[in-house]
Amino acid sequence: MNRTFTMLISGLTMVLAAAGCGPSGPKLVSLSGTVTFKGEPVPAGYVVFTPPSGGGSVRSVPIRNGRYNTAEIVGAEKGVHPGPNQVRITGFNGKKEPFYADGKQIFNPVQEQFTVPEAGGTKDFVIPESAGKNVKIEPTSDD
């Protein structure tokens, strides 16, 4: 291996480790709970956790039958980053049809701030009824 290549790999490794992208990146914790709208479980949707810049990666967690669990994140490390997060919740009726993989929206996306505890735990989200007014229904797939 030539010296320039070795220096390039070493530098890239240090940058990734400093950014939290290496194996010793920001820790992840388990979080689960329920999502309800008008007193009923949300059939399908997503809870998306976005930590502040540099605080880790965005984590998208599916809602199924009113429940979400960060241990069920598909194709990525399990869990969410502890600390402050912007949370965005979307909800669908769960009735798959062309262009609507999770069904049609039942409320407009809701955003709120939530601080994920260092130990993880549970957090239930209650979607306000006002989110169901003037719902803008958009396709969720290209089917």
C-alpha atoms as a PDB file:
ATOM      1  CA  MET A   1       0.000   0.000   0.000  1.00  0.00           C
ATOM      2  CA  ASN A   2       1.442   3.396  -0.843  1.00  0.00           C
ATOM      3  CA  ARG A   3       1.950   6.059   1.781  1.00  0.00           C
ATOM      4  CA  THR A   4      -0.544   8.562   0.276  1.00  0.00           C
ATOM      5  CA  PHE A   5      -3.333   5.970   0.295  1.00  0.00           C
ATOM      6  CA  THR A   6      -2.549   5.006   3.896  1.00  0.00           C
ATOM      7  CA  MET A   7      -2.625   8.663   4.992  1.00  0.00           C
ATOM      8  CA  LEU A   8      -5.914   9.209   3.131  1.00  0.00           C
ATOM      9  CA  ILE A   9      -7.566   6.199   4.838  1.00  0.00           C
ATOM     10  CA  SER A  10      -6.237   7.275   8.258  1.00  0.00           C
ATOM     11  CA  GLY A  11      -7.552  10.810   7.781  1.00  0.00           C
ATOM     12  CA  LEU A  12     -10.960   9.578   6.619  1.00  0.00           C
ATOM     13  CA  THR A  13     -11.211   7.236   9.616  1.00  0.00           C
ATOM     14  CA  MET A  14     -10.471  10.110  12.026  1.00  0.00           C
ATOM     15  CA  VAL A  15     -13.070  12.365  10.351  1.00  0.00           C
ATOM     16  CA  LEU A  16     -15.744   9.651  10.515  1.00  0.00           C
ATOM     17  CA  ALA A  17     -14.964   8.871  14.141  1.00  0.00           C
ATOM     18  CA  ALA A  18     -15.138  12.558  15.064  1.00  0.00           C
ATOM     19  CA  ALA A  19     -18.496  12.848  13.284  1.00  0.00           C
ATOM     20  CA  GLY A  20     -19.902   9.885  15.186  1.00  0.00           C
ATOM     21  CA  CYS A  21     -20.135   7.682  12.119  1.00  0.00           C
ATOM     22  CA  GLY A  22     -17.727   5.006  13.270  1.00  0.00           C
ATOM     23  CA  PRO A  23     -18.394   2.027  15.498  1.00  0.00           C
ATOM     24  CA  SER A  24     -17.966   4.230  18.563  1.00  0.00           C
ATOM     25  CA  GLY A  25     -20.505   6.831  17.336  1.00  0.00           C
ATOM     26  CA  PRO A  26     -23.307   8.320  19.430  1.00  0.00           C
ATOM     27  CA  LYS A  27     -25.083   5.739  21.543  1.00  0.00           C
ATOM     28  CA  LEU A  28     -28.598   4.596  20.761  1.00  0.00           C
ATOM     29  CA  VAL A  29     -31.344   3.768  23.255  1.00  0.00           C
ATOM     30  CA  SER A  30     -34.623   1.872  22.954  1.00  0.00           C
ATOM     31  CA  LEU A  31     -37.858   3.823  22.963  1.00  0.00           C
ATOM     32  CA  SER A  32     -41.377   2.527  22.400  1.00  0.00           C
ATOM     33  CA  GLY A  33     -44.938   3.603  22.969  1.00  0.00           C
ATOM     34  CA  THR A  34     -48.325   4.279  21.458  1.00  0.00           C
ATOM     35  CA  VAL A  35     -49.671   6.811  18.980  1.00  0.00           C
ATOM     36  CA  THR A  36     -53.368   7.693  19.169  1.00  0.00           C
ATOM     37  CA  PHE A  37     -55.647  10.037  17.238  1.00  0.00           C
ATOM     38  CA  LYS A  38     -59.212  10.806  18.358  1.00  0.00           C
ATOM     39  CA  GLY A  39     -58.797   8.222  21.104  1.00  0.00           C
ATOM     40  CA  GLU A  40     -57.989   5.411  18.645  1.00  0.00           C
ATOM     41  CA  PRO A  41     -54.660   3.740  17.765  1.00  0.00           C
ATOM     42  CA  VAL A  42     -53.107   5.120  14.569  1.00  0.00           C
ATOM     43  CA  PRO A  43     -53.228   2.158  12.120  1.00  0.00           C
ATOM     44  CA  ALA A  44     -50.004   2.976  10.233  1.00  0.00           C
ATOM     45  CA  GLY A  45     -47.453   5.751   9.996  1.00  0.00           C
ATOM     46  CA  TYR A  46     -44.034   6.872  11.144  1.00  0.00           C
ATOM     47  CA  VAL A  47     -42.405   8.573  14.094  1.00  0.00           C
ATOM     48  CA  VAL A  48     -39.244  10.327  12.878  1.00  0.00           C
ATOM     49  CA  PHE A  49     -36.648  11.429  15.439  1.00  0.00           C
ATOM     50  CA  THR A  50     -34.222  14.149  14.307  1.00  0.00           C
ATOM     51  CA  PRO A  51     -31.482  15.080  16.783  1.00  0.00           C
ATOM     52  CA  PRO A  52     -29.794  18.488  16.531  1.00  0.00           C
ATOM     53  CA  SER A  53     -27.068  18.874  13.918  1.00  0.00           C
ATOM     54  CA  GLY A  54     -24.100  16.722  14.875  1.00  0.00           C
ATOM     55  CA  GLY A  55     -26.118  14.827  17.491  1.00  0.00           C
ATOM     56  CA  GLY A  56     -26.589  11.662  15.447  1.00  0.00           C
ATOM     57  CA  SER A  57     -28.658  10.460  12.519  1.00  0.00           C
ATOM     58  CA  VAL A  58     -32.357  10.762  11.731  1.00  0.00           C
ATOM     59  CA  ARG A  59     -34.262   7.648  12.841  1.00  0.00           C
ATOM     60  CA  SER A  60     -37.595   6.675  11.220  1.00  0.00           C
ATOM     61  CA  VAL A  61     -39.724   4.232  13.208  1.00  0.00           C
ATOM     62  CA  PRO A  62     -42.878   2.611  11.784  1.00  0.00           C
ATOM     63  CA  ILE A  63     -46.232   2.836  13.560  1.00  0.00           C
ATOM     64  CA  ARG A  64     -48.243  -0.371  13.311  1.00  0.00           C
ATOM     65  CA  ASN A  65     -51.626  -0.715  14.999  1.00  0.00           C
ATOM     66  CA  GLY A  66     -50.969   2.266  17.249  1.00  0.00           C
ATOM     67  CA  ARG A  67     -47.543   1.121  18.488  1.00  0.00           C
ATOM     68  CA  TYR A  68     -43.964   2.002  17.622  1.00  0.00           C
ATOM     69  CA  ASN A  69     -40.744   0.450  18.850  1.00  0.00           C
ATOM     70  CA  THR A  70     -37.258   1.628  17.932  1.00  0.00           C
ATOM     71  CA  ALA A  71     -36.079  -1.992  18.179  1.00  0.00           C
ATOM     72  CA  GLU A  72     -38.015  -2.553  14.927  1.00  0.00           C
ATOM     73  CA  ILE A  73     -36.144  -0.057  12.744  1.00  0.00           C
ATOM     74  CA  VAL A  74     -35.512  -1.828   9.435  1.00  0.00           C
ATOM     75  CA  GLY A  75     -32.117  -1.786   7.759  1.00  0.00           C
ATOM     76  CA  ALA A  76     -30.277   0.233  10.378  1.00  0.00           C
ATOM     77  CA  GLU A  77     -28.973   0.063  13.900  1.00  0.00           C
ATOM     78  CA  LYS A  78     -31.810  -0.211  16.400  1.00  0.00           C
ATOM     79  CA  GLY A  79     -32.700   2.674  18.707  1.00  0.00           C
ATOM     80  CA  VAL A  80     -32.729   6.480  18.750  1.00  0.00           C
ATOM     81  CA  HIS A  81     -30.253   9.057  19.964  1.00  0.00           C
ATOM     82  CA  PRO A  82     -30.858  10.272  23.525  1.00  0.00           C
ATOM     83  CA  GLY A  83     -31.256  13.973  24.177  1.00  0.00           C
ATOM     84  CA  PRO A  84     -33.326  16.627  22.428  1.00  0.00           C
ATOM     85  CA  ASN A  85     -35.038  15.546  19.200  1.00  0.00           C
ATOM     86  CA  GLN A  86     -37.471  17.107  16.776  1.00  0.00           C
ATOM     87  CA  VAL A  87     -40.225  14.504  16.390  1.00  0.00           C
ATOM     88  CA  ARG A  88     -42.413  14.325  13.272  1.00  0.00           C
ATOM     89  CA  ILE A  89     -45.400  11.975  13.261  1.00  0.00           C
ATOM     90  CA  THR A  90     -47.405  10.926  10.230  1.00  0.00           C
ATOM     91  CA  GLY A  91     -50.497   8.722  10.310  1.00  0.00           C
ATOM     92  CA  PHE A  92     -52.375   6.704   7.705  1.00  0.00           C
ATOM     93  CA  ASN A  93     -55.513   4.573   7.646  1.00  0.00           C
ATOM     94  CA  GLY A  94     -53.513   1.386   6.905  1.00  0.00           C
ATOM     95  CA  LYS A  95     -55.667   0.446   3.867  1.00  0.00           C
ATOM     96  CA  LYS A  96     -53.147  -0.120   1.078  1.00  0.00           C
ATOM     97  CA  GLU A  97     -54.213   0.963  -2.392  1.00  0.00           C
ATOM     98  CA  PRO A  98     -52.395   2.169  -5.540  1.00  0.00           C
ATOM     99  CA  PHE A  99     -50.173   5.174  -4.748  1.00  0.00           C
ATOM    100  CA  TYR A 100     -50.902   4.823  -1.016  1.00  0.00           C
ATOM    101  CA  ALA A 101     -48.660   2.090   0.423  1.00  0.00           C
ATOM    102  CA  ASP A 102     -49.760   2.816   4.014  1.00  0.00           C
ATOM    103  CA  GLY A 103     -53.230   4.022   3.074  1.00  0.00           C
ATOM    104  CA  LYS A 104     -54.404   7.610   3.044  1.00  0.00           C
ATOM    105  CA  GLN A 105     -53.394  10.207   5.585  1.00  0.00           C
ATOM    106  CA  ILE A 106     -55.721  10.622   8.533  1.00  0.00           C
ATOM    107  CA  PHE A 107     -54.082  13.782   9.884  1.00  0.00           C
ATOM    108  CA  ASN A 108     -51.521  16.359   8.789  1.00  0.00           C
ATOM    109  CA  PRO A 109     -47.979  15.636  10.030  1.00  0.00           C
ATOM    110  CA  VAL A 110     -47.414  16.755  13.623  1.00  0.00           C
ATOM    111  CA  GLN A 111     -44.104  18.041  14.952  1.00  0.00           C
ATOM    112  CA  GLU A 112     -42.963  18.526  18.516  1.00  0.00           C
ATOM    113  CA  GLN A 113     -39.805  18.617  20.593  1.00  0.00           C
ATOM    114  CA  PHE A 114     -39.043  15.651  22.830  1.00  0.00           C
ATOM    115  CA  THR A 115     -35.997  14.860  24.934  1.00  0.00           C
ATOM    116  CA  VAL A 116     -35.240  11.144  24.703  1.00  0.00           C
ATOM    117  CA  PRO A 117     -34.062   9.942  28.142  1.00  0.00           C
ATOM    118  CA  GLU A 118     -30.488   8.637  28.425  1.00  0.00           C
ATOM    119  CA  ALA A 119     -31.901   5.270  29.530  1.00  0.00           C
ATOM    120  CA  GLY A 120     -34.590   5.121  26.815  1.00  0.00           C
ATOM    121  CA  GLY A 121     -38.029   3.988  27.946  1.00  0.00           C
ATOM    122  CA  THR A 122     -41.525   4.756  26.729  1.00  0.00           C
ATOM    123  CA  LYS A 123     -43.244   7.783  25.243  1.00  0.00           C
ATOM    124  CA  ASP A 124     -46.878   7.881  24.144  1.00  0.00           C
ATOM    125  CA  PHE A 125     -47.968  10.450  21.580  1.00  0.00           C
ATOM    126  CA  VAL A 126     -51.520  11.813  21.419  1.00  0.00           C
ATOM    127  CA  ILE A 127     -52.219  13.544  18.121  1.00  0.00           C
ATOM    128  CA  PRO A 128     -54.439  16.615  18.568  1.00  0.00           C
ATOM    129  CA  GLU A 129     -57.800  16.516  16.786  1.00  0.00           C
ATOM    130  CA  SER A 130     -56.901  19.802  15.088  1.00  0.00           C
ATOM    131  CA  ALA A 131     -54.307  17.897  13.004  1.00  0.00           C
ATOM    132  CA  GLY A 132     -57.209  16.158  11.258  1.00  0.00           C
ATOM    133  CA  LYS A 133     -58.618  19.373   9.776  1.00  0.00           C
ATOM    134  CA  ASN A 134     -58.003  20.163   6.084  1.00  0.00           C
ATOM    135  CA  VAL A 135     -55.816  17.081   5.601  1.00  0.00           C
ATOM    136  CA  LYS A 136     -53.671  17.307   2.499  1.00  0.00           C
ATOM    137  CA  ILE A 137     -53.572  13.737   1.159  1.00  0.00           C
ATOM    138  CA  GLU A 138     -50.425  12.953  -0.808  1.00  0.00           C
ATOM    139  CA  PRO A 139     -49.338   9.691  -2.487  1.00  0.00           C
ATOM    140  CA  THR A 140     -46.961   7.605  -0.370  1.00  0.00           C
ATOM    141  CA  SER A 141     -45.580   5.399  -3.173  1.00  0.00           C
ATOM    142  CA  ASP A 142     -45.205   5.141  -6.945  1.00  0.00           C
ATOM    143  CA  ASP A 143     -47.302   1.950  -7.306  1.00  0.00           C
END
